[in-house]
C-alpha atoms as a PDB file:
ATOM      1  CA  UNK A   1      -0.033   0.264   0.225  1.00  0.00           C
ATOM      2  CA  UNK A   2       1.775   3.507  -1.092  1.00  0.00           C
ATOM      3  CA  UNK A   3       2.324   6.165   1.916  1.00  0.00           C
ATOM      4  CA  UNK A   4       1.980   9.065  -1.092  1.00  0.00           C
ATOM      5  CA  UNK A   5       0.151   8.897  -4.385  1.00  0.00           C
ATOM      6  CA  UNK A   6      -0.226  12.356  -6.207  1.00  0.00           C
ATOM      7  CA  UNK A   7      -1.041  12.587  -9.467  1.00  0.00           C
ATOM      8  CA  UNK A   8       0.089  14.928 -13.150  1.00  0.00           C
ATOM      9  CA  UNK A   9      -2.435  15.241 -16.214  1.00  0.00           C
ATOM     10  CA  UNK A  10      -0.970  16.838 -19.563  1.00  0.00           C
ATOM     11  CA  UNK A  11      -1.263  17.620 -23.379  1.00  0.00           C
ATOM     12  CA  UNK A  12       1.239  16.763 -24.671  1.00  0.00           C
ATOM     13  CA  UNK A  13       5.134  18.405 -25.526  1.00  0.00           C
ATOM     14  CA  UNK A  14       3.502  21.880 -26.126  1.00  0.00           C
ATOM     15  CA  UNK A  15       1.186  22.154 -24.131  1.00  0.00           C
ATOM     16  CA  UNK A  16       0.697  22.377 -20.201  1.00  0.00           C
ATOM     17  CA  UNK A  17       1.272  19.661 -17.229  1.00  0.00           C
ATOM     18  CA  UNK A  18      -0.546  20.132 -13.395  1.00  0.00           C
ATOM     19  CA  UNK A  19      -0.693  18.109 -10.302  1.00  0.00           C
ATOM     20  CA  UNK A  20      -4.109  17.361  -8.634  1.00  0.00           C
ATOM     21  CA  UNK A  21      -2.922  19.544  -6.978  1.00  0.00           C
ATOM     22  CA  UNK A  22      -2.720  22.504  -8.362  1.00  0.00           C
ATOM     23  CA  UNK A  23       0.933  22.690  -7.401  1.00  0.00           C
ATOM     24  CA  UNK A  24       2.951  22.429 -10.010  1.00  0.00           C
ATOM     25  CA  UNK A  25       1.354  24.174 -13.448  1.00  0.00           C
ATOM     26  CA  UNK A  26       3.643  24.006 -16.281  1.00  0.00           C
ATOM     27  CA  UNK A  27       3.848  25.242 -19.838  1.00  0.00           C
ATOM     28  CA  UNK A  28       6.092  22.385 -21.651  1.00  0.00           C
ATOM     29  CA  UNK A  29       7.423  23.280 -24.995  1.00  0.00           C
ATOM     30  CA  UNK A  30       9.026  20.875 -27.031  1.00  0.00           C
ATOM     31  CA  UNK A  31      13.190  21.637 -27.246  1.00  0.00           C
ATOM     32  CA  UNK A  32      15.066  23.709 -29.922  1.00  0.00           C
ATOM     33  CA  UNK A  33      16.868  20.404 -30.791  1.00  0.00           C
ATOM     34  CA  UNK A  34      14.345  18.177 -31.016  1.00  0.00           C
ATOM     35  CA  UNK A  35      12.803  21.550 -33.725  1.00  0.00           C
ATOM     36  CA  UNK A  36      10.693  23.307 -31.118  1.00  0.00           C
ATOM     37  CA  UNK A  37      10.382  26.647 -29.489  1.00  0.00           C
ATOM     38  CA  UNK A  38      11.931  25.248 -26.577  1.00  0.00           C
ATOM     39  CA  UNK A  39       9.406  28.639 -24.854  1.00  0.00           C
ATOM     40  CA  UNK A  40       8.475  25.364 -22.421  1.00  0.00           C
ATOM     41  CA  UNK A  41       9.552  23.021 -19.543  1.00  0.00           C
ATOM     42  CA  UNK A  42      10.164  19.644 -20.747  1.00  0.00           C
ATOM     43  CA  UNK A  43       9.796  16.313 -19.678  1.00  0.00           C
ATOM     44  CA  UNK A  44      13.332  15.516 -19.050  1.00  0.00           C
ATOM     45  CA  UNK A  45      13.751  18.696 -17.816  1.00  0.00           C
ATOM     46  CA  UNK A  46      11.062  17.491 -15.110  1.00  0.00           C
ATOM     47  CA  UNK A  47      11.986  14.523 -14.868  1.00  0.00           C
ATOM     48  CA  UNK A  48      16.078  15.330 -13.715  1.00  0.00           C
ATOM     49  CA  UNK A  49      14.872  17.940 -11.248  1.00  0.00           C
ATOM     50  CA  UNK A  50      12.720  15.285  -9.917  1.00  0.00           C
ATOM     51  CA  UNK A  51      15.593  12.287  -9.928  1.00  0.00           C
ATOM     52  CA  UNK A  52      17.976  15.338  -8.370  1.00  0.00           C
ATOM     53  CA  UNK A  53      15.337  15.333  -5.189  1.00  0.00           C
ATOM     54  CA  UNK A  54      14.463  12.201  -4.252  1.00  0.00           C
ATOM     55  CA  UNK A  55      18.678  11.354  -5.052  1.00  0.00           C
ATOM     56  CA  UNK A  56      19.316  13.828  -2.565  1.00  0.00           C
ATOM     57  CA  UNK A  57      16.824  12.618   0.020  1.00  0.00           C
ATOM     58  CA  UNK A  58      17.786   9.887  -0.338  1.00  0.00           C
ATOM     59  CA  UNK A  59      21.273  10.570   0.662  1.00  0.00           C
ATOM     60  CA  UNK A  60      20.871  12.546   3.147  1.00  0.00           C
ATOM     61  CA  UNK A  61      18.253   9.577   5.053  1.00  0.00           C
ATOM     62  CA  UNK A  62      21.631   7.150   4.047  1.00  0.00           C
ATOM     63  CA  UNK A  63      24.948   9.099   5.692  1.00  0.00           C
ATOM     64  CA  UNK A  64      22.795   9.738   8.426  1.00  0.00           C
ATOM     65  CA  UNK A  65      21.892   6.238   9.558  1.00  0.00           C
ATOM     66  CA  UNK A  66      25.534   6.063   8.716  1.00  0.00           C
ATOM     67  CA  UNK A  67      27.037   8.487  11.148  1.00  0.00           C
ATOM     68  CA  UNK A  68      28.576  11.068   7.518  1.00  0.00           C
ATOM     69  CA  UNK A  69      27.904  14.517   7.466  1.00  0.00           C
ATOM     70  CA  UNK A  70      26.866  15.171   4.082  1.00  0.00           C
ATOM     71  CA  UNK A  71      25.954  19.163   5.339  1.00  0.00           C
ATOM     72  CA  UNK A  72      25.869  21.456   1.455  1.00  0.00           C
ATOM     73  CA  UNK A  73      25.879  18.854  -0.296  1.00  0.00           C
ATOM     74  CA  UNK A  74      24.315  18.747  -3.415  1.00  0.00           C
ATOM     75  CA  UNK A  75      23.428  16.178  -6.463  1.00  0.00           C
ATOM     76  CA  UNK A  76      23.179  17.460  -9.844  1.00  0.00           C
ATOM     77  CA  UNK A  77      20.912  15.142 -12.236  1.00  0.00           C
ATOM     78  CA  UNK A  78      22.325  14.699 -15.716  1.00  0.00           C
ATOM     79  CA  UNK A  79      18.917  13.155 -18.399  1.00  0.00           C
ATOM     80  CA  UNK A  80      20.258  12.438 -22.046  1.00  0.00           C
ATOM     81  CA  UNK A  81      17.615  11.769 -24.340  1.00  0.00           C
ATOM     82  CA  UNK A  82      18.556   9.114 -27.497  1.00  0.00           C
ATOM     83  CA  UNK A  83      16.806   7.566 -30.067  1.00  0.00           C
ATOM     84  CA  UNK A  84      16.607   3.905 -28.909  1.00  0.00           C
ATOM     85  CA  UNK A  85      17.581   2.530 -32.807  1.00  0.00           C
ATOM     86  CA  UNK A  86      13.638   1.302 -33.232  1.00  0.00           C
ATOM     87  CA  UNK A  87      11.688   4.376 -33.865  1.00  0.00           C
ATOM     88  CA  UNK A  88      11.798   5.831 -30.644  1.00  0.00           C
ATOM     89  CA  UNK A  89      13.720   7.273 -27.990  1.00  0.00           C
ATOM     90  CA  UNK A  90      15.254   6.200 -24.658  1.00  0.00           C
ATOM     91  CA  UNK A  91      16.952   7.762 -21.647  1.00  0.00           C
ATOM     92  CA  UNK A  92      20.060   7.907 -19.772  1.00  0.00           C
ATOM     93  CA  UNK A  93      21.553   9.833 -16.418  1.00  0.00           C
ATOM     94  CA  UNK A  94      23.985  10.542 -14.912  1.00  0.00           C
ATOM     95  CA  UNK A  95      23.952  12.010 -11.486  1.00  0.00           C
ATOM     96  CA  UNK A  96      26.476  14.093 -10.601  1.00  0.00           C
ATOM     97  CA  UNK A  97      27.310  14.344  -6.212  1.00  0.00           C
ATOM     98  CA  UNK A  98      28.854  17.343  -4.634  1.00  0.00           C
ATOM     99  CA  UNK A  99      30.200  16.195  -1.494  1.00  0.00           C
ATOM    100  CA  UNK A 100      32.110  17.910   1.388  1.00  0.00           C
ATOM    101  CA  UNK A 101      35.949  17.547   1.109  1.00  0.00           C
ATOM    102  CA  UNK A 102      36.235  15.749   4.012  1.00  0.00           C
ATOM    103  CA  UNK A 103      35.288  12.633   2.694  1.00  0.00           C
ATOM    104  CA  UNK A 104      37.049  10.721   1.421  1.00  0.00           C
ATOM    105  CA  UNK A 105      37.120   9.026  -1.850  1.00  0.00           C
ATOM    106  CA  UNK A 106      35.904   5.893  -0.873  1.00  0.00           C
ATOM    107  CA  UNK A 107      33.268   7.050   1.685  1.00  0.00           C
ATOM    108  CA  UNK A 108      31.693   9.332  -0.867  1.00  0.00           C
ATOM    109  CA  UNK A 109      31.817   6.123  -3.238  1.00  0.00           C
ATOM    110  CA  UNK A 110      29.987   3.541  -0.433  1.00  0.00           C
ATOM    111  CA  UNK A 111      28.178   6.736  -0.041  1.00  0.00           C
ATOM    112  CA  UNK A 112      26.848   7.284  -3.198  1.00  0.00           C
ATOM    113  CA  UNK A 113      26.224   3.456  -4.260  1.00  0.00           C
ATOM    114  CA  UNK A 114      24.081   2.544  -0.876  1.00  0.00           C
ATOM    115  CA  UNK A 115      22.417   5.688  -1.950  1.00  0.00           C
ATOM    116  CA  UNK A 116      21.607   4.809  -5.501  1.00  0.00           C
ATOM    117  CA  UNK A 117      20.165   1.723  -3.793  1.00  0.00           C
ATOM    118  CA  UNK A 118      17.575   3.283  -1.190  1.00  0.00           C
ATOM    119  CA  UNK A 119      16.075   6.044  -3.922  1.00  0.00           C
ATOM    120  CA  UNK A 120      12.674   5.102  -5.459  1.00  0.00           C
ATOM    121  CA  UNK A 121      13.958   7.197  -8.731  1.00  0.00           C
ATOM    122  CA  UNK A 122      17.180   4.466  -8.814  1.00  0.00           C
ATOM    123  CA  UNK A 123      15.244   1.691  -7.631  1.00  0.00           C
ATOM    124  CA  UNK A 124      12.196   2.754 -11.053  1.00  0.00           C
ATOM    125  CA  UNK A 125      15.503   3.158 -13.086  1.00  0.00           C
ATOM    126  CA  UNK A 126      17.888   0.465 -12.553  1.00  0.00           C
ATOM    127  CA  UNK A 127      18.167  -2.344 -15.201  1.00  0.00           C
ATOM    128  CA  UNK A 128      15.584   0.178 -17.932  1.00  0.00           C
ATOM    129  CA  UNK A 129      18.468   2.943 -18.451  1.00  0.00           C
ATOM    130  CA  UNK A 130      21.772   3.312 -18.049  1.00  0.00           C
ATOM    131  CA  UNK A 131      22.626   5.074 -14.706  1.00  0.00           C
ATOM    132  CA  UNK A 132      25.942   6.636 -13.673  1.00  0.00           C
ATOM    133  CA  UNK A 133      27.392   7.997 -10.151  1.00  0.00           C
ATOM    134  CA  UNK A 134      30.054  10.060 -10.172  1.00  0.00           C
ATOM    135  CA  UNK A 135      31.413  12.218  -6.963  1.00  0.00           C
ATOM    136  CA  UNK A 136      32.558  15.682  -7.340  1.00  0.00           C
END
């Protein structure tokens, strides 16, 4: 049973996307790189923002359990959209973790990999799209 459920409705890449509670209401536009005017948000940007926020929250949870201080950390999600060779498109993701300099490379990598096992977005994408983990 879900602890939380939400919904969003969209009219397409050149339309709008809204959540059922009205907290999100954005104009959508096809990217210039795909032949659109780029005068709006696109689904890949929304996915990147959601994945970055979810991964950052998961990292705070994991770091707390491991008693690792990640104050000041940030996560950047880079989402790529590429033809899949079957007439459609696929996504790829690079997650860049900016972590405190006080963490050793080994601790940082362990934290990143442990977070990747906990994050709901990571669990949803695992085995479906490539996700590259990078510490900075």
